[in-house]
C-alpha atoms as a PDB file:
ATOM      1  CA  MET A   1     215.702 -36.616-144.941  1.00  0.00           C
ATOM      2  CA  VAL A   2     213.666 -34.131-146.950  1.00  0.00           C
ATOM      3  CA  LEU A   3     212.296 -34.944-150.335  1.00  0.00           C
ATOM      4  CA  LEU A   4     210.963 -32.194-152.568  1.00  0.00           C
ATOM      5  CA  GLU A   5     208.936 -32.905-155.637  1.00  0.00           C
ATOM      6  CA  PRO A   6     207.454 -30.323-158.019  1.00  0.00           C
ATOM      7  CA  THR A   7     204.711 -31.674-160.259  1.00  0.00           C
ATOM      8  CA  VAL A   8     204.727 -28.695-162.605  1.00  0.00           C
ATOM      9  CA  LYS A   9     207.625 -27.179-164.486  1.00  0.00           C
ATOM     10  CA  ARG A  10     209.105 -24.200-162.646  1.00  0.00           C
ATOM     11  CA  GLU A  11     209.834 -20.947-164.410  1.00  0.00           C
ATOM     12  CA  SER A  12     213.504 -20.407-165.079  1.00  0.00           C
ATOM     13  CA  SER A  13     213.808 -17.029-163.427  1.00  0.00           C
ATOM     14  CA  GLY A  14     216.558 -15.590-161.292  1.00  0.00           C
ATOM     15  CA  GLN A  15     214.131 -15.482-158.370  1.00  0.00           C
ATOM     16  CA  ALA A  16     213.483 -19.250-158.523  1.00  0.00           C
ATOM     17  CA  GLY A  17     217.243 -19.922-158.627  1.00  0.00           C
ATOM     18  CA  THR A  18     217.830 -17.658-155.647  1.00  0.00           C
ATOM     19  CA  ALA A  19     215.096 -19.383-153.668  1.00  0.00           C
ATOM     20  CA  GLU A  20     216.663 -22.780-154.387  1.00  0.00           C
ATOM     21  CA  ILE A  21     220.092 -21.576-153.226  1.00  0.00           C
ATOM     22  CA  GLU A  22     218.541 -20.152-150.069  1.00  0.00           C
ATOM     23  CA  LEU A  23     216.729 -23.437-149.425  1.00  0.00           C
ATOM     24  CA  GLN A  24     219.997 -25.366-149.824  1.00  0.00           C
ATOM     25  CA  ASN A  25     221.679 -23.034-147.326  1.00  0.00           C
ATOM     26  CA  VAL A  26     218.844 -23.533-144.827  1.00  0.00           C
ATOM     27  CA  ILE A  27     218.816 -27.339-145.031  1.00  0.00           C
ATOM     28  CA  GLU A  28     222.581 -27.436-144.540  1.00  0.00           C
ATOM     29  CA  TRP A  29     222.124 -25.978-141.054  1.00  0.00           C
ATOM     30  CA  LEU A  30     219.470 -28.475-139.927  1.00  0.00           C
ATOM     31  CA  GLU A  31     220.448 -31.127-137.399  1.00  0.00           C
ATOM     32  CA  GLU A  32     218.360 -33.727-139.251  1.00  0.00           C
ATOM     33  CA  GLY A  33     219.557 -35.401-142.407  1.00  0.00           C
ATOM     34  CA  VAL A  34     217.779 -33.867-145.386  1.00  0.00           C
ATOM     35  CA  ILE A  35     217.476 -34.954-149.011  1.00  0.00           C
ATOM     36  CA  LEU A  36     215.461 -33.155-151.694  1.00  0.00           C
ATOM     37  CA  PHE A  37     214.163 -34.899-154.799  1.00  0.00           C
ATOM     38  CA  ASP A  38     211.737 -33.999-157.559  1.00  0.00           C
ATOM     39  CA  ALA A  39     208.757 -35.715-159.209  1.00  0.00           C
ATOM     40  CA  GLN A  40     211.040 -37.592-161.589  1.00  0.00           C
ATOM     41  CA  ASP A  41     212.998 -38.956-158.569  1.00  0.00           C
ATOM     42  CA  ASN A  42     216.057 -36.829-159.385  1.00  0.00           C
ATOM     43  CA  VAL A  43     218.112 -35.973-156.311  1.00  0.00           C
ATOM     44  CA  ARG A  44     218.131 -32.187-156.067  1.00  0.00           C
ATOM     45  CA  ALA A  45     220.142 -31.707-152.866  1.00  0.00           C
ATOM     46  CA  MET A  46     221.278 -33.383-149.664  1.00  0.00           C
ATOM     47  CA  ASN A  47     222.839 -31.923-146.571  1.00  0.00           C
ATOM     48  CA  THR A  48     226.006 -32.986-144.791  1.00  0.00           C
ATOM     49  CA  ARG A  49     224.046 -34.482-141.888  1.00  0.00           C
ATOM     50  CA  PHE A  50     222.203 -36.802-144.290  1.00  0.00           C
ATOM     51  CA  GLU A  51     225.561 -37.929-145.690  1.00  0.00           C
ATOM     52  CA  GLN A  52     226.739 -38.686-142.149  1.00  0.00           C
ATOM     53  CA  ILE A  53     223.568 -40.567-141.154  1.00  0.00           C
ATOM     54  CA  ALA A  54     223.634 -42.532-144.421  1.00  0.00           C
ATOM     55  CA  SER A  55     227.379 -43.308-144.004  1.00  0.00           C
ATOM     56  CA  LEU A  56     228.234 -41.627-147.303  1.00  0.00           C
ATOM     57  CA  ALA A  57     231.710 -40.298-147.905  1.00  0.00           C
ATOM     58  CA  PRO A  58     231.609 -36.583-148.845  1.00  0.00           C
ATOM     59  CA  GLU A  59     232.816 -37.367-152.374  1.00  0.00           C
ATOM     60  CA  GLU A  60     229.980 -39.926-152.799  1.00  0.00           C
ATOM     61  CA  SER A  61     227.115 -37.479-152.356  1.00  0.00           C
ATOM     62  CA  GLY A  62     227.482 -35.997-155.836  1.00  0.00           C
ATOM     63  CA  GLU A  63     227.399 -39.474-157.401  1.00  0.00           C
ATOM     64  CA  PHE A  64     223.706 -40.018-156.681  1.00  0.00           C
ATOM     65  CA  LYS A  65     221.587 -38.344-159.316  1.00  0.00           C
ATOM     66  CA  THR A  66     218.400 -40.371-158.764  1.00  0.00           C
ATOM     67  CA  LEU A  67     216.448 -41.697-155.806  1.00  0.00           C
ATOM     68  CA  ASP A  68     216.867 -45.254-157.153  1.00  0.00           C
ATOM     69  CA  GLY A  69     220.641 -44.804-157.239  1.00  0.00           C
ATOM     70  CA  LEU A  70     220.643 -43.619-153.643  1.00  0.00           C
ATOM     71  CA  ILE A  71     218.323 -46.419-152.515  1.00  0.00           C
ATOM     72  CA  GLY A  72     220.579 -48.925-154.263  1.00  0.00           C
ATOM     73  CA  ARG A  73     223.560 -47.622-152.308  1.00  0.00           C
ATOM     74  CA  LEU A  74     221.792 -47.478-148.923  1.00  0.00           C
ATOM     75  CA  LYS A  75     219.557 -50.562-148.907  1.00  0.00           C
ATOM     76  CA  ASN A  76     222.366 -52.960-147.997  1.00  0.00           C
ATOM     77  CA  ASN A  77     222.983 -50.946-144.823  1.00  0.00           C
ATOM     78  CA  ALA A  78     219.473 -51.859-143.639  1.00  0.00           C
ATOM     79  CA  ALA A  79     218.522 -54.930-141.621  1.00  0.00           C
ATOM     80  CA  GLU A  80     215.854 -55.697-144.256  1.00  0.00           C
ATOM     81  CA  PRO A  81     217.208 -54.356-147.586  1.00  0.00           C
ATOM     82  CA  ALA A  82     214.198 -55.231-149.753  1.00  0.00           C
ATOM     83  CA  ARG A  83     211.708 -53.738-147.284  1.00  0.00           C
ATOM     84  CA  PHE A  84     213.873 -50.616-146.873  1.00  0.00           C
ATOM     85  CA  ALA A  85     213.946 -50.049-150.644  1.00  0.00           C
ATOM     86  CA  GLU A  86     210.237 -50.726-151.151  1.00  0.00           C
ATOM     87  CA  ARG A  87     209.103 -48.466-148.292  1.00  0.00           C
ATOM     88  CA  TRP A  88     211.236 -45.588-149.588  1.00  0.00           C
ATOM     89  CA  ARG A  89     209.802 -46.010-153.087  1.00  0.00           C
ATOM     90  CA  GLU A  90     206.263 -46.142-151.679  1.00  0.00           C
ATOM     91  CA  MET A  91     206.831 -42.881-149.836  1.00  0.00           C
ATOM     92  CA  ALA A  92     208.169 -41.228-152.983  1.00  0.00           C
ATOM     93  CA  ARG A  93     205.265 -42.454-155.150  1.00  0.00           C
ATOM     94  CA  GLY A  94     202.424 -40.888-153.307  1.00  0.00           C
ATOM     95  CA  ILE A  95     202.284 -39.617-149.808  1.00  0.00           C
ATOM     96  CA  GLU A  96     198.844 -38.248-149.101  1.00  0.00           C
ATOM     97  CA  GLY A  97     199.617 -37.360-145.499  1.00  0.00           C
ATOM     98  CA  GLY A  98     202.491 -37.611-143.104  1.00  0.00           C
ATOM     99  CA  VAL A  99     204.405 -40.852-142.619  1.00  0.00           C
ATOM    100  CA  ARG A 100     206.666 -41.831-139.710  1.00  0.00           C
ATOM    101  CA  GLU A 101     208.595 -45.024-139.382  1.00  0.00           C
ATOM    102  CA  GLU A 102     211.697 -46.499-137.805  1.00  0.00           C
ATOM    103  CA  LEU A 103     214.366 -48.164-139.910  1.00  0.00           C
ATOM    104  CA  GLN A 104     216.785 -50.656-138.450  1.00  0.00           C
ATOM    105  CA  MET A 105     220.212 -50.148-139.950  1.00  0.00           C
ATOM    106  CA  THR A 106     223.097 -52.581-139.509  1.00  0.00           C
ATOM    107  CA  TYR A 107     226.001 -50.763-141.192  1.00  0.00           C
ATOM    108  CA  PRO A 108     228.366 -49.192-140.294  1.00  0.00           C
ATOM    109  CA  ALA A 109     226.984 -49.818-136.785  1.00  0.00           C
ATOM    110  CA  PRO A 110     223.593 -51.093-135.579  1.00  0.00           C
ATOM    111  CA  ARG A 111     221.186 -48.184-135.053  1.00  0.00           C
ATOM    112  CA  ILE A 112     217.629 -47.048-135.567  1.00  0.00           C
ATOM    113  CA  LEU A 113     216.765 -44.209-137.958  1.00  0.00           C
ATOM    114  CA  GLU A 114     213.519 -42.333-137.583  1.00  0.00           C
ATOM    115  CA  ARG A 115     212.196 -41.339-140.993  1.00  0.00           C
ATOM    116  CA  ALA A 116     209.389 -38.816-141.350  1.00  0.00           C
ATOM    117  CA  ALA A 117     207.890 -37.653-144.634  1.00  0.00           C
ATOM    118  CA  ARG A 118     205.024 -35.447-145.705  1.00  0.00           C
ATOM    119  CA  PRO A 119     203.866 -33.643-148.847  1.00  0.00           C
ATOM    120  CA  VAL A 120     204.660 -29.955-149.155  1.00  0.00           C
ATOM    121  CA  LEU A 121     202.995 -27.583-151.602  1.00  0.00           C
ATOM    122  CA  ASP A 122     204.846 -24.854-153.459  1.00  0.00           C
ATOM    123  CA  PRO A 123     203.084 -21.517-154.216  1.00  0.00           C
ATOM    124  CA  SER A 124     201.509 -22.929-157.384  1.00  0.00           C
ATOM    125  CA  ALA A 125     200.032 -25.817-155.319  1.00  0.00           C
ATOM    126  CA  ALA A 126     202.387 -28.313-156.923  1.00  0.00           C
ATOM    127  CA  CYS A 127     203.128 -31.230-154.634  1.00  0.00           C
ATOM    128  CA  TRP A 128     206.568 -31.752-153.085  1.00  0.00           C
ATOM    129  CA  ASP A 129     207.459 -34.594-150.714  1.00  0.00           C
ATOM    130  CA  ALA A 130     209.346 -33.712-147.548  1.00  0.00           C
ATOM    131  CA  SER A 131     211.102 -36.311-145.452  1.00  0.00           C
ATOM    132  CA  ARG A 132     213.743 -36.242-142.742  1.00  0.00           C
ATOM    133  CA  SER A 133     215.761 -38.790-140.807  1.00  0.00           C
ATOM    134  CA  THR A 134     217.430 -38.698-137.452  1.00  0.00           C
ATOM    135  CA  ALA A 135     219.726 -41.288-135.940  1.00  0.00           C
ATOM    136  CA  THR A 136     218.951 -42.628-132.473  1.00  0.00           C
END
């Protein structure tokens, strides 16, 4: 899962739009599940692998506009729903360094997800959060 978060407003130029499209194309090819979200917790993008890991139907992915909406949908798949939701919110609020953790999921089948997150800086030094998940 990858979470991206700009803290400053981006210029609305054709170059910024092209870069975002290229980023979406790159994350789609990753084997890890990836989700991108901004500083206001708006879901910017998610790849097909994330949908599969999260047990989302393809038509569901466009329904989630905010991180809270996505957490609300996924938390009941976790062995400890409240802890799952709180940890994800903590990561989104302020990662100062990298974070790794394992999540025990119970639905649709018992499994462990490895979640890794870290801040990423864009060229203007604005902070973005990056996180990924893999199923084991």
